[in-house]
Amino acid sequence: MKRSRPVSPRDVFAAVGDPTRRRVLDLLTRGELPVRRIAAPFAMTRPAISQHLRILLRARLVEVRREGRDRYYCLQAKPLRQIHDWVGHYERFWRGKLTALGKFLDEQAKKEA
């Protein structure tokens, strides 16, 4: 039996850093799909899509099951929580900056009126 290693935030960030992999994750939000259905909307080879799927698998963002010769992938969103938590840490910062920008723009509009 393989030992389960913790998912590194670095793995998760690297996995979702690529737009193709983000699109794959978006496709999998609809449910489990075989590789051929995942590859269909992309202008790349199936081996290229399989490489992206291996990276997502390594980051534990997807799970795979075999059925005959086909491999079916499904989304495992739990590791995305790491990204959510990290981004949430900065939300207060941006909220304050956007509020200040809004006030500044309101003042500029009043001066121009």
PDB file of N, CA and C in Angstrom:
ATOM      1  N   MET A   1       0.842  -1.188   0.000  1.00  0.00           N
ATOM      2  CA  MET A   1       0.000   0.000   0.000  1.00  0.00           C
ATOM      3  C   MET A   1       0.883   1.245   0.000  1.00  0.00           C
ATOM      4  N   LYS A   2       0.558   2.204  -0.872  1.00  0.00           N
ATOM      5  CA  LYS A   2       1.318   3.445  -0.925  1.00  0.00           C
ATOM      6  C   LYS A   2       0.995   4.318   0.271  1.00  0.00           C
ATOM      7  N   ARG A   3       2.034   4.980   0.766  1.00  0.00           N
ATOM      8  CA  ARG A   3       1.801   5.948   1.827  1.00  0.00           C
ATOM      9  C   ARG A   3       1.349   7.257   1.216  1.00  0.00           C
ATOM     10  N   SER A   4       0.417   7.881   1.860  1.00  0.00           N
ATOM     11  CA  SER A   4      -0.110   9.143   1.369  1.00  0.00           C
ATOM     12  C   SER A   4       0.777  10.286   1.845  1.00  0.00           C
ATOM     13  N   ARG A   5       1.313  11.031   0.896  1.00  0.00           N
ATOM     14  CA  ARG A   5       2.129  12.180   1.291  1.00  0.00           C
ATOM     15  C   ARG A   5       1.241  13.412   1.284  1.00  0.00           C
ATOM     16  N   PRO A   6       1.540  14.369   2.169  1.00  0.00           N
ATOM     17  CA  PRO A   6       0.725  15.585   2.172  1.00  0.00           C
ATOM     18  C   PRO A   6       0.897  16.345   0.862  1.00  0.00           C
ATOM     19  N   VAL A   7      -0.136  17.025   0.453  1.00  0.00           N
ATOM     20  CA  VAL A   7      -0.080  17.821  -0.764  1.00  0.00           C
ATOM     21  C   VAL A   7       0.627  19.121  -0.441  1.00  0.00           C
ATOM     22  N   SER A   8       1.661  19.395  -1.180  1.00  0.00           N
ATOM     23  CA  SER A   8       2.401  20.626  -0.990  1.00  0.00           C
ATOM     24  C   SER A   8       1.639  21.788  -1.620  1.00  0.00           C
ATOM     25  N   PRO A   9       1.544  22.914  -0.914  1.00  0.00           N
ATOM     26  CA  PRO A   9       0.914  24.081  -1.538  1.00  0.00           C
ATOM     27  C   PRO A   9       1.609  24.450  -2.844  1.00  0.00           C
ATOM     28  N   ARG A  10       2.902  24.201  -2.898  1.00  0.00           N
ATOM     29  CA  ARG A  10       3.664  24.485  -4.117  1.00  0.00           C
ATOM     30  C   ARG A  10       3.130  23.665  -5.287  1.00  0.00           C
ATOM     31  N   ASP A  11       2.812  22.380  -5.035  1.00  0.00           N
ATOM     32  CA  ASP A  11       2.256  21.521  -6.077  1.00  0.00           C
ATOM     33  C   ASP A  11       0.914  22.063  -6.574  1.00  0.00           C
ATOM     34  N   VAL A  12       0.077  22.478  -5.635  1.00  0.00           N
ATOM     35  CA  VAL A  12      -1.257  22.959  -5.986  1.00  0.00           C
ATOM     36  C   VAL A  12      -1.149  24.257  -6.784  1.00  0.00           C
ATOM     37  N   PHE A  13      -0.327  25.194  -6.309  1.00  0.00           N
ATOM     38  CA  PHE A  13      -0.170  26.462  -7.022  1.00  0.00           C
ATOM     39  C   PHE A  13       0.404  26.234  -8.413  1.00  0.00           C
ATOM     40  N   ALA A  14       1.394  25.372  -8.526  1.00  0.00           N
ATOM     41  CA  ALA A  14       1.988  25.083  -9.834  1.00  0.00           C
ATOM     42  C   ALA A  14       0.956  24.442 -10.760  1.00  0.00           C
ATOM     43  N   ALA A  15       0.141  23.562 -10.212  1.00  0.00           N
ATOM     44  CA  ALA A  15      -0.860  22.869 -11.025  1.00  0.00           C
ATOM     45  C   ALA A  15      -1.897  23.842 -11.583  1.00  0.00           C
ATOM     46  N   VAL A  16      -2.373  24.755 -10.763  1.00  0.00           N
ATOM     47  CA  VAL A  16      -3.417  25.671 -11.237  1.00  0.00           C
ATOM     48  C   VAL A  16      -2.829  26.908 -11.907  1.00  0.00           C
ATOM     49  N   GLY A  17      -1.515  27.014 -11.935  1.00  0.00           N
ATOM     50  CA  GLY A  17      -0.872  28.146 -12.584  1.00  0.00           C
ATOM     51  C   GLY A  17      -0.951  28.094 -14.098  1.00  0.00           C
ATOM     52  N   ASP A  18      -1.295  26.959 -14.640  1.00  0.00           N
ATOM     53  CA  ASP A  18      -1.352  26.791 -16.090  1.00  0.00           C
ATOM     54  C   ASP A  18      -2.798  26.913 -16.571  1.00  0.00           C
ATOM     55  N   PRO A  19      -3.057  27.746 -17.590  1.00  0.00           N
ATOM     56  CA  PRO A  19      -4.440  27.926 -18.055  1.00  0.00           C
ATOM     57  C   PRO A  19      -5.084  26.649 -18.599  1.00  0.00           C
ATOM     58  N   THR A  20      -4.311  25.782 -19.213  1.00  0.00           N
ATOM     59  CA  THR A  20      -4.875  24.520 -19.711  1.00  0.00           C
ATOM     60  C   THR A  20      -5.372  23.676 -18.556  1.00  0.00           C
ATOM     61  N   ARG A  21      -4.573  23.582 -17.504  1.00  0.00           N
ATOM     62  CA  ARG A  21      -4.990  22.775 -16.348  1.00  0.00           C
ATOM     63  C   ARG A  21      -6.203  23.390 -15.655  1.00  0.00           C
ATOM     64  N   ARG A  22      -6.287  24.708 -15.625  1.00  0.00           N
ATOM     65  CA  ARG A  22      -7.480  25.341 -15.043  1.00  0.00           C
ATOM     66  C   ARG A  22      -8.714  25.001 -15.876  1.00  0.00           C
ATOM     67  N   ARG A  23      -8.570  24.986 -17.195  1.00  0.00           N
ATOM     68  CA  ARG A  23      -9.700  24.614 -18.064  1.00  0.00           C
ATOM     69  C   ARG A  23     -10.097  23.155 -17.850  1.00  0.00           C
ATOM     70  N   VAL A  24      -9.106  22.286 -17.651  1.00  0.00           N
ATOM     71  CA  VAL A  24      -9.404  20.875 -17.362  1.00  0.00           C
ATOM     72  C   VAL A  24     -10.196  20.779 -16.068  1.00  0.00           C
ATOM     73  N   LEU A  25      -9.772  21.494 -15.036  1.00  0.00           N
ATOM     74  CA  LEU A  25     -10.501  21.474 -13.767  1.00  0.00           C
ATOM     75  C   LEU A  25     -11.922  21.996 -13.955  1.00  0.00           C
ATOM     76  N   ASP A  26     -12.082  23.045 -14.774  1.00  0.00           N
ATOM     77  CA  ASP A  26     -13.423  23.560 -15.056  1.00  0.00           C
ATOM     78  C   ASP A  26     -14.299  22.491 -15.707  1.00  0.00           C
ATOM     79  N   LEU A  27     -13.734  21.747 -16.662  1.00  0.00           N
ATOM     80  CA  LEU A  27     -14.493  20.663 -17.304  1.00  0.00           C
ATOM     81  C   LEU A  27     -14.929  19.622 -16.286  1.00  0.00           C
ATOM     82  N   LEU A  28     -14.048  19.326 -15.350  1.00  0.00           N
ATOM     83  CA  LEU A  28     -14.335  18.267 -14.375  1.00  0.00           C
ATOM     84  C   LEU A  28     -15.321  18.703 -13.296  1.00  0.00           C
ATOM     85  N   THR A  29     -15.662  19.987 -13.240  1.00  0.00           N
ATOM     86  CA  THR A  29     -16.683  20.412 -12.277  1.00  0.00           C
ATOM     87  C   THR A  29     -18.044  19.822 -12.634  1.00  0.00           C
ATOM     88  N   ARG A  30     -18.192  19.410 -13.898  1.00  0.00           N
ATOM     89  CA  ARG A  30     -19.461  18.815 -14.361  1.00  0.00           C
ATOM     90  C   ARG A  30     -19.574  17.339 -14.015  1.00  0.00           C
ATOM     91  N   GLY A  31     -18.456  16.741 -13.588  1.00  0.00           N
ATOM     92  CA  GLY A  31     -18.469  15.327 -13.244  1.00  0.00           C
ATOM     93  C   GLY A  31     -17.317  14.584 -13.890  1.00  0.00           C
ATOM     94  N   GLU A  32     -17.281  13.313 -13.630  1.00  0.00           N
ATOM     95  CA  GLU A  32     -16.222  12.435 -14.125  1.00  0.00           C
ATOM     96  C   GLU A  32     -16.242  12.364 -15.650  1.00  0.00           C
ATOM     97  N   LEU A  33     -15.027  12.418 -16.249  1.00  0.00           N
ATOM     98  CA  LEU A  33     -14.905  12.361 -17.710  1.00  0.00           C
ATOM     99  C   LEU A  33     -13.742  11.468 -18.115  1.00  0.00           C
ATOM    100  N   PRO A  34     -13.891  10.779 -19.269  1.00  0.00           N
ATOM    101  CA  PRO A  34     -12.755  10.022 -19.798  1.00  0.00           C
ATOM    102  C   PRO A  34     -11.769  10.985 -20.465  1.00  0.00           C
ATOM    103  N   VAL A  35     -10.538  10.544 -20.605  1.00  0.00           N
ATOM    104  CA  VAL A  35      -9.494  11.390 -21.184  1.00  0.00           C
ATOM    105  C   VAL A  35      -9.909  11.915 -22.555  1.00  0.00           C
ATOM    106  N   ARG A  36     -10.517  11.093 -23.383  1.00  0.00           N
ATOM    107  CA  ARG A  36     -10.887  11.542 -24.732  1.00  0.00           C
ATOM    108  C   ARG A  36     -11.863  12.713 -24.683  1.00  0.00           C
ATOM    109  N   ARG A  37     -12.769  12.731 -23.718  1.00  0.00           N
ATOM    110  CA  ARG A  37     -13.721  13.844 -23.572  1.00  0.00           C
ATOM    111  C   ARG A  37     -13.032  15.077 -22.992  1.00  0.00           C
ATOM    112  N   ILE A  38     -12.047  14.856 -22.124  1.00  0.00           N
ATOM    113  CA  ILE A  38     -11.292  15.986 -21.575  1.00  0.00           C
ATOM    114  C   ILE A  38     -10.476  16.634 -22.687  1.00  0.00           C
ATOM    115  N   ALA A  39      -9.875  15.813 -23.542  1.00  0.00           N
ATOM    116  CA  ALA A  39      -8.998  16.311 -24.600  1.00  0.00           C
ATOM    117  C   ALA A  39      -9.752  16.989 -25.742  1.00  0.00           C
ATOM    118  N   ALA A  40     -11.005  16.647 -25.943  1.00  0.00           N
ATOM    119  CA  ALA A  40     -11.763  17.109 -27.115  1.00  0.00           C
ATOM    120  C   ALA A  40     -11.727  18.629 -27.337  1.00  0.00           C
ATOM    121  N   PRO A  41     -11.944  19.468 -26.316  1.00  0.00           N
ATOM    122  CA  PRO A  41     -11.997  20.904 -26.593  1.00  0.00           C
ATOM    123  C   PRO A  41     -10.629  21.584 -26.782  1.00  0.00           C
ATOM    124  N   PHE A  42      -9.546  20.841 -26.636  1.00  0.00           N
ATOM    125  CA  PHE A  42      -8.210  21.429 -26.696  1.00  0.00           C
ATOM    126  C   PHE A  42      -7.550  21.171 -28.042  1.00  0.00           C
ATOM    127  N   ALA A  43      -6.788  22.150 -28.484  1.00  0.00           N
ATOM    128  CA  ALA A  43      -6.031  22.008 -29.732  1.00  0.00           C
ATOM    129  C   ALA A  43      -4.638  21.464 -29.402  1.00  0.00           C
ATOM    130  N   MET A  44      -4.631  20.280 -28.801  1.00  0.00           N
ATOM    131  CA  MET A  44      -3.369  19.611 -28.475  1.00  0.00           C
ATOM    132  C   MET A  44      -3.597  18.116 -28.478  1.00  0.00           C
ATOM    133  N   THR A  45      -2.514  17.383 -28.459  1.00  0.00           N
ATOM    134  CA  THR A  45      -2.594  15.928 -28.519  1.00  0.00           C
ATOM    135  C   THR A  45      -3.078  15.348 -27.196  1.00  0.00           C
ATOM    136  N   ARG A  46      -3.580  14.123 -27.262  1.00  0.00           N
ATOM    137  CA  ARG A  46      -3.967  13.435 -26.026  1.00  0.00           C
ATOM    138  C   ARG A  46      -2.778  13.222 -25.089  1.00  0.00           C
ATOM    139  N   PRO A  47      -1.597  12.878 -25.610  1.00  0.00           N
ATOM    140  CA  PRO A  47      -0.449  12.761 -24.706  1.00  0.00           C
ATOM    141  C   PRO A  47      -0.147  14.073 -23.963  1.00  0.00           C
ATOM    142  N   ALA A  48      -0.353  15.197 -24.631  1.00  0.00           N
ATOM    143  CA  ALA A  48      -0.135  16.494 -23.965  1.00  0.00           C
ATOM    144  C   ALA A  48      -1.164  16.690 -22.856  1.00  0.00           C
ATOM    145  N   ILE A  49      -2.416  16.350 -23.119  1.00  0.00           N
ATOM    146  CA  ILE A  49      -3.458  16.444 -22.093  1.00  0.00           C
ATOM    147  C   ILE A  49      -3.147  15.474 -20.950  1.00  0.00           C
ATOM    148  N   SER A  50      -2.669  14.286 -21.290  1.00  0.00           N
ATOM    149  CA  SER A  50      -2.318  13.305 -20.252  1.00  0.00           C
ATOM    150  C   SER A  50      -1.217  13.841 -19.345  1.00  0.00           C
ATOM    151  N   GLN A  51      -0.281  14.580 -19.910  1.00  0.00           N
ATOM    152  CA  GLN A  51       0.772  15.181 -19.086  1.00  0.00           C
ATOM    153  C   GLN A  51       0.170  16.189 -18.108  1.00  0.00           C
ATOM    154  N   HIS A  52      -0.752  16.999 -18.570  1.00  0.00           N
ATOM    155  CA  HIS A  52      -1.432  17.953 -17.677  1.00  0.00           C
ATOM    156  C   HIS A  52      -2.208  17.201 -16.588  1.00  0.00           C
ATOM    157  N   LEU A  53      -2.850  16.111 -16.979  1.00  0.00           N
ATOM    158  CA  LEU A  53      -3.605  15.325 -15.994  1.00  0.00           C
ATOM    159  C   LEU A  53      -2.673  14.703 -14.949  1.00  0.00           C
ATOM    160  N   ARG A  54      -1.471  14.286 -15.361  1.00  0.00           N
ATOM    161  CA  ARG A  54      -0.504  13.743 -14.390  1.00  0.00           C
ATOM    162  C   ARG A  54      -0.110  14.799 -13.364  1.00  0.00           C
ATOM    163  N   ILE A  55       0.060  16.025 -13.811  1.00  0.00           N
ATOM    164  CA  ILE A  55       0.410  17.112 -12.888  1.00  0.00           C
ATOM    165  C   ILE A  55      -0.743  17.358 -11.917  1.00  0.00           C
ATOM    166  N   LEU A  56      -1.966  17.364 -12.430  1.00  0.00           N
ATOM    167  CA  LEU A  56      -3.132  17.535 -11.555  1.00  0.00           C
ATOM    168  C   LEU A  56      -3.277  16.368 -10.592  1.00  0.00           C
ATOM    169  N   LEU A  57      -2.951  15.181 -11.045  1.00  0.00           N
ATOM    170  CA  LEU A  57      -3.006  13.988 -10.195  1.00  0.00           C
ATOM    171  C   LEU A  57      -1.969  14.077  -9.086  1.00  0.00           C
ATOM    172  N   ARG A  58      -0.757  14.504  -9.434  1.00  0.00           N
ATOM    173  CA  ARG A  58       0.318  14.655  -8.448  1.00  0.00           C
ATOM    174  C   ARG A  58      -0.064  15.674  -7.365  1.00  0.00           C
ATOM    175  N   ALA A  59      -0.798  16.722  -7.765  1.00  0.00           N
ATOM    176  CA  ALA A  59      -1.244  17.744  -6.810  1.00  0.00           C
ATOM    177  C   ALA A  59      -2.525  17.318  -6.093  1.00  0.00           C
ATOM    178  N   ARG A  60      -3.013  16.127  -6.428  1.00  0.00           N
ATOM    179  CA  ARG A  60      -4.229  15.554  -5.852  1.00  0.00           C
ATOM    180  C   ARG A  60      -5.484  16.388  -6.125  1.00  0.00           C
ATOM    181  N   LEU A  61      -5.466  17.076  -7.252  1.00  0.00           N
ATOM    182  CA  LEU A  61      -6.637  17.844  -7.661  1.00  0.00           C
ATOM    183  C   LEU A  61      -7.608  17.004  -8.475  1.00  0.00           C
ATOM    184  N   VAL A  62      -7.153  15.845  -8.911  1.00  0.00           N
ATOM    185  CA  VAL A  62      -8.014  14.898  -9.619  1.00  0.00           C
ATOM    186  C   VAL A  62      -7.722  13.492  -9.105  1.00  0.00           C
ATOM    187  N   GLU A  63      -8.693  12.628  -9.311  1.00  0.00           N
ATOM    188  CA  GLU A  63      -8.510  11.194  -9.076  1.00  0.00           C
ATOM    189  C   GLU A  63      -8.806  10.494 -10.381  1.00  0.00           C
ATOM    190  N   VAL A  64      -8.207   9.333 -10.542  1.00  0.00           N
ATOM    191  CA  VAL A  64      -8.390   8.573 -11.773  1.00  0.00           C
ATOM    192  C   VAL A  64      -8.854   7.162 -11.436  1.00  0.00           C
ATOM    193  N   ARG A  65      -9.710   6.631 -12.304  1.00  0.00           N
ATOM    194  CA  ARG A  65     -10.094   5.232 -12.194  1.00  0.00           C
ATOM    195  C   ARG A  65     -10.055   4.646 -13.587  1.00  0.00           C
ATOM    196  N   ARG A  66      -9.691   3.393 -13.641  1.00  0.00           N
ATOM    197  CA  ARG A  66      -9.617   2.690 -14.927  1.00  0.00           C
ATOM    198  C   ARG A  66     -10.854   1.840 -15.113  1.00  0.00           C
ATOM    199  N   GLU A  67     -11.298   1.847 -16.346  1.00  0.00           N
ATOM    200  CA  GLU A  67     -12.393   0.963 -16.743  1.00  0.00           C
ATOM    201  C   GLU A  67     -12.016   0.426 -18.118  1.00  0.00           C
ATOM    202  N   GLY A  68     -11.537  -0.800 -18.147  1.00  0.00           N
ATOM    203  CA  GLY A  68     -11.020  -1.354 -19.388  1.00  0.00           C
ATOM    204  C   GLY A  68      -9.791  -0.572 -19.820  1.00  0.00           C
ATOM    205  N   ARG A  69      -9.819  -0.078 -21.047  1.00  0.00           N
ATOM    206  CA  ARG A  69      -8.684   0.696 -21.555  1.00  0.00           C
ATOM    207  C   ARG A  69      -8.818   2.188 -21.264  1.00  0.00           C
ATOM    208  N   ASP A  70      -9.972   2.591 -20.773  1.00  0.00           N
ATOM    209  CA  ASP A  70     -10.225   4.008 -20.527  1.00  0.00           C
ATOM    210  C   ASP A  70      -9.848   4.423 -19.121  1.00  0.00           C
ATOM    211  N   ARG A  71      -9.437   5.670 -19.025  1.00  0.00           N
ATOM    212  CA  ARG A  71      -9.180   6.284 -17.718  1.00  0.00           C
ATOM    213  C   ARG A  71     -10.177   7.415 -17.536  1.00  0.00           C
ATOM    214  N   TYR A  72     -10.815   7.423 -16.398  1.00  0.00           N
ATOM    215  CA  TYR A  72     -11.808   8.438 -16.069  1.00  0.00           C
ATOM    216  C   TYR A  72     -11.260   9.297 -14.934  1.00  0.00           C
ATOM    217  N   TYR A  73     -11.375  10.601 -15.112  1.00  0.00           N
ATOM    218  CA  TYR A  73     -10.875  11.548 -14.112  1.00  0.00           C
ATOM    219  C   TYR A  73     -12.037  12.285 -13.477  1.00  0.00           C
ATOM    220  N   CYS A  74     -11.874  12.571 -12.188  1.00  0.00           N
ATOM    221  CA  CYS A  74     -12.857  13.396 -11.484  1.00  0.00           C
ATOM    222  C   CYS A  74     -12.115  14.407 -10.608  1.00  0.00           C
ATOM    223  N   LEU A  75     -12.770  15.517 -10.381  1.00  0.00           N
ATOM    224  CA  LEU A  75     -12.213  16.614  -9.607  1.00  0.00           C
ATOM    225  C   LEU A  75     -12.163  16.269  -8.125  1.00  0.00           C
ATOM    226  N   GLN A  76     -11.075  16.639  -7.490  1.00  0.00           N
ATOM    227  CA  GLN A  76     -10.928  16.564  -6.035  1.00  0.00           C
ATOM    228  C   GLN A  76     -10.538  17.972  -5.581  1.00  0.00           C
ATOM    229  N   ALA A  77     -11.513  18.750  -5.193  1.00  0.00           N
ATOM    230  CA  ALA A  77     -11.302  20.187  -4.971  1.00  0.00           C
ATOM    231  C   ALA A  77     -10.663  20.530  -3.626  1.00  0.00           C
ATOM    232  N   LYS A  78     -10.550  19.581  -2.722  1.00  0.00           N
ATOM    233  CA  LYS A  78     -10.048  19.902  -1.379  1.00  0.00           C
ATOM    234  C   LYS A  78      -8.703  20.635  -1.391  1.00  0.00           C
ATOM    235  N   PRO A  79      -7.717  20.240  -2.203  1.00  0.00           N
ATOM    236  CA  PRO A  79      -6.454  20.985  -2.203  1.00  0.00           C
ATOM    237  C   PRO A  79      -6.588  22.444  -2.642  1.00  0.00           C
ATOM    238  N   LEU A  80      -7.669  22.772  -3.356  1.00  0.00           N
ATOM    239  CA  LEU A  80      -7.882  24.158  -3.762  1.00  0.00           C
ATOM    240  C   LEU A  80      -8.134  25.060  -2.550  1.00  0.00           C
ATOM    241  N   ARG A  81      -8.482  24.436  -1.436  1.00  0.00           N
ATOM    242  CA  ARG A  81      -8.702  25.189  -0.203  1.00  0.00           C
ATOM    243  C   ARG A  81      -7.437  25.949   0.200  1.00  0.00           C
ATOM    244  N   GLN A  82      -6.275  25.374  -0.071  1.00  0.00           N
ATOM    245  CA  GLN A  82      -5.007  26.039   0.237  1.00  0.00           C
ATOM    246  C   GLN A  82      -4.911  27.371  -0.501  1.00  0.00           C
ATOM    247  N   ILE A  83      -5.317  27.372  -1.757  1.00  0.00           N
ATOM    248  CA  ILE A  83      -5.280  28.604  -2.550  1.00  0.00           C
ATOM    249  C   ILE A  83      -6.308  29.588  -2.018  1.00  0.00           C
ATOM    250  N   HIS A  84      -7.492  29.094  -1.729  1.00  0.00           N
ATOM    251  CA  HIS A  84      -8.546  29.948  -1.183  1.00  0.00           C
ATOM    252  C   HIS A  84      -8.076  30.621   0.101  1.00  0.00           C
ATOM    253  N   ASP A  85      -7.481  29.851   0.987  1.00  0.00           N
ATOM    254  CA  ASP A  85      -7.009  30.408   2.260  1.00  0.00           C
ATOM    255  C   ASP A  85      -5.912  31.437   2.046  1.00  0.00           C
ATOM    256  N   TRP A  86      -5.000  31.162   1.125  1.00  0.00           N
ATOM    257  CA  TRP A  86      -3.903  32.085   0.873  1.00  0.00           C
ATOM    258  C   TRP A  86      -4.422  33.399   0.284  1.00  0.00           C
ATOM    259  N   VAL A  87      -5.311  33.296  -0.699  1.00  0.00           N
ATOM    260  CA  VAL A  87      -5.880  34.492  -1.314  1.00  0.00           C
ATOM    261  C   VAL A  87      -6.718  35.259  -0.296  1.00  0.00           C
ATOM    262  N   GLY A  88      -7.455  34.534   0.535  1.00  0.00           N
ATOM    263  CA  GLY A  88      -8.274  35.173   1.562  1.00  0.00           C
ATOM    264  C   GLY A  88      -7.462  36.017   2.524  1.00  0.00           C
ATOM    265  N   HIS A  89      -6.233  35.618   2.753  1.00  0.00           N
ATOM    266  CA  HIS A  89      -5.337  36.373   3.633  1.00  0.00           C
ATOM    267  C   HIS A  89      -5.138  37.797   3.102  1.00  0.00           C
ATOM    268  N   TYR A  90      -5.135  37.936   1.790  1.00  0.00           N
ATOM    269  CA  TYR A  90      -4.913  39.241   1.173  1.00  0.00           C
ATOM    270  C   TYR A  90      -6.200  39.993   0.844  1.00  0.00           C
ATOM    271  N   GLU A  91      -7.326  39.359   1.052  1.00  0.00           N
ATOM    272  CA  GLU A  91      -8.601  39.981   0.728  1.00  0.00           C
ATOM    273  C   GLU A  91      -8.817  41.278   1.504  1.00  0.00           C
ATOM    274  N   ARG A  92      -8.468  41.278   2.780  1.00  0.00           N
ATOM    275  CA  ARG A  92      -8.637  42.493   3.593  1.00  0.00           C
ATOM    276  C   ARG A  92      -7.810  43.638   3.023  1.00  0.00           C
ATOM    277  N   PHE A  93      -6.591  43.319   2.595  1.00  0.00           N
ATOM    278  CA  PHE A  93      -5.713  44.324   2.009  1.00  0.00           C
ATOM    279  C   PHE A  93      -6.365  44.948   0.777  1.00  0.00           C
ATOM    280  N   TRP A  94      -6.837  44.097  -0.140  1.00  0.00           N
ATOM    281  CA  TRP A  94      -7.422  44.607  -1.374  1.00  0.00           C
ATOM    282  C   TRP A  94      -8.740  45.307  -1.132  1.00  0.00           C
ATOM    283  N   ARG A  95      -9.514  44.827  -0.196  1.00  0.00           N
ATOM    284  CA  ARG A  95     -10.781  45.475   0.113  1.00  0.00           C
ATOM    285  C   ARG A  95     -10.516  46.904   0.564  1.00  0.00           C
ATOM    286  N   GLY A  96      -9.517  47.102   1.430  1.00  0.00           N
ATOM    287  CA  GLY A  96      -9.160  48.440   1.900  1.00  0.00           C
ATOM    288  C   GLY A  96      -8.670  49.318   0.762  1.00  0.00           C
ATOM    289  N   LYS A  97      -7.844  48.757  -0.106  1.00  0.00           N
ATOM    290  CA  LYS A  97      -7.321  49.530  -1.244  1.00  0.00           C
ATOM    291  C   LYS A  97      -8.443  49.925  -2.204  1.00  0.00           C
ATOM    292  N   LEU A  98      -9.357  49.011  -2.468  1.00  0.00           N
ATOM    293  CA  LEU A  98     -10.453  49.312  -3.383  1.00  0.00           C
ATOM    294  C   LEU A  98     -11.420  50.330  -2.782  1.00  0.00           C
ATOM    295  N   THR A  99     -11.628  50.261  -1.474  1.00  0.00           N
ATOM    296  CA  THR A  99     -12.468  51.255  -0.809  1.00  0.00           C
ATOM    297  C   THR A  99     -11.829  52.632  -0.923  1.00  0.00           C
ATOM    298  N   ALA A 100     -10.528  52.712  -0.678  1.00  0.00           N
ATOM    299  CA  ALA A 100      -9.816  53.981  -0.806  1.00  0.00           C
ATOM    300  C   ALA A 100      -9.876  54.502  -2.237  1.00  0.00           C
ATOM    301  N   LEU A 101      -9.731  53.633  -3.212  1.00  0.00           N
ATOM    302  CA  LEU A 101      -9.808  54.037  -4.613  1.00  0.00           C
ATOM    303  C   LEU A 101     -11.203  54.566  -4.931  1.00  0.00           C
ATOM    304  N   GLY A 102     -12.227  53.881  -4.432  1.00  0.00           N
ATOM    305  CA  GLY A 102     -13.607  54.331  -4.651  1.00  0.00           C
ATOM    306  C   GLY A 102     -13.847  55.714  -4.088  1.00  0.00           C
ATOM    307  N   LYS A 103     -13.341  55.969  -2.879  1.00  0.00           N
ATOM    308  CA  LYS A 103     -13.484  57.297  -2.266  1.00  0.00           C
ATOM    309  C   LYS A 103     -12.755  58.352  -3.093  1.00  0.00           C
ATOM    310  N   PHE A 104     -11.560  58.025  -3.536  1.00  0.00           N
ATOM    311  CA  PHE A 104     -10.780  58.956  -4.345  1.00  0.00           C
ATOM    312  C   PHE A 104     -11.524  59.300  -5.639  1.00  0.00           C
ATOM    313  N   LEU A 105     -12.062  58.280  -6.307  1.00  0.00           N
ATOM    314  CA  LEU A 105     -12.778  58.511  -7.564  1.00  0.00           C
ATOM    315  C   LEU A 105     -14.055  59.330  -7.333  1.00  0.00           C
ATOM    316  N   ASP A 106     -14.749  59.080  -6.221  1.00  0.00           N
ATOM    317  CA  ASP A 106     -15.937  59.867  -5.877  1.00  0.00           C
ATOM    318  C   ASP A 106     -15.560  61.337  -5.679  1.00  0.00           C
ATOM    319  N   GLU A 107     -14.440  61.580  -4.965  1.00  0.00           N
ATOM    320  CA  GLU A 107     -13.982  62.960  -4.729  1.00  0.00           C
ATOM    321  C   GLU A 107     -13.613  63.630  -6.048  1.00  0.00           C
ATOM    322  N   GLN A 108     -12.959  62.893  -6.945  1.00  0.00           N
ATOM    323  CA  GLN A 108     -12.580  63.457  -8.234  1.00  0.00           C
ATOM    324  C   GLN A 108     -13.825  63.814  -9.061  1.00  0.00           C
ATOM    325  N   ALA A 109     -14.824  62.965  -9.002  1.00  0.00           N
ATOM    326  CA  ALA A 109     -16.065  63.215  -9.732  1.00  0.00           C
ATOM    327  C   ALA A 109     -16.759  64.450  -9.193  1.00  0.00           C
ATOM    328  N   LYS A 110     -16.757  64.637  -7.866  1.00  0.00           N
ATOM    329  CA  LYS A 110     -17.385  65.820  -7.256  1.00  0.00           C
ATOM    330  C   LYS A 110     -16.643  67.087  -7.676  1.00  0.00           C
ATOM    331  N   LYS A 111     -15.329  67.023  -7.735  1.00  0.00           N
ATOM    332  CA  LYS A 111     -14.522  68.196  -8.128  1.00  0.00           C
ATOM    333  C   LYS A 111     -14.794  68.588  -9.575  1.00  0.00           C
ATOM    334  N   GLU A 112     -15.000  67.581 -10.430  1.00  0.00           N
ATOM    335  CA  GLU A 112     -15.243  67.839 -11.847  1.00  0.00           C
ATOM    336  C   GLU A 112     -16.659  68.335 -12.106  1.00  0.00           C
ATOM    337  N   ALA A 113     -17.587  68.011 -11.203  1.00  0.00           N
ATOM    338  CA  ALA A 113     -18.995  68.389 -11.410  1.00  0.00           C
ATOM    339  C   ALA A 113     -19.284  69.807 -11.019  1.00  0.00           C
TER     340      ALA A 113
END
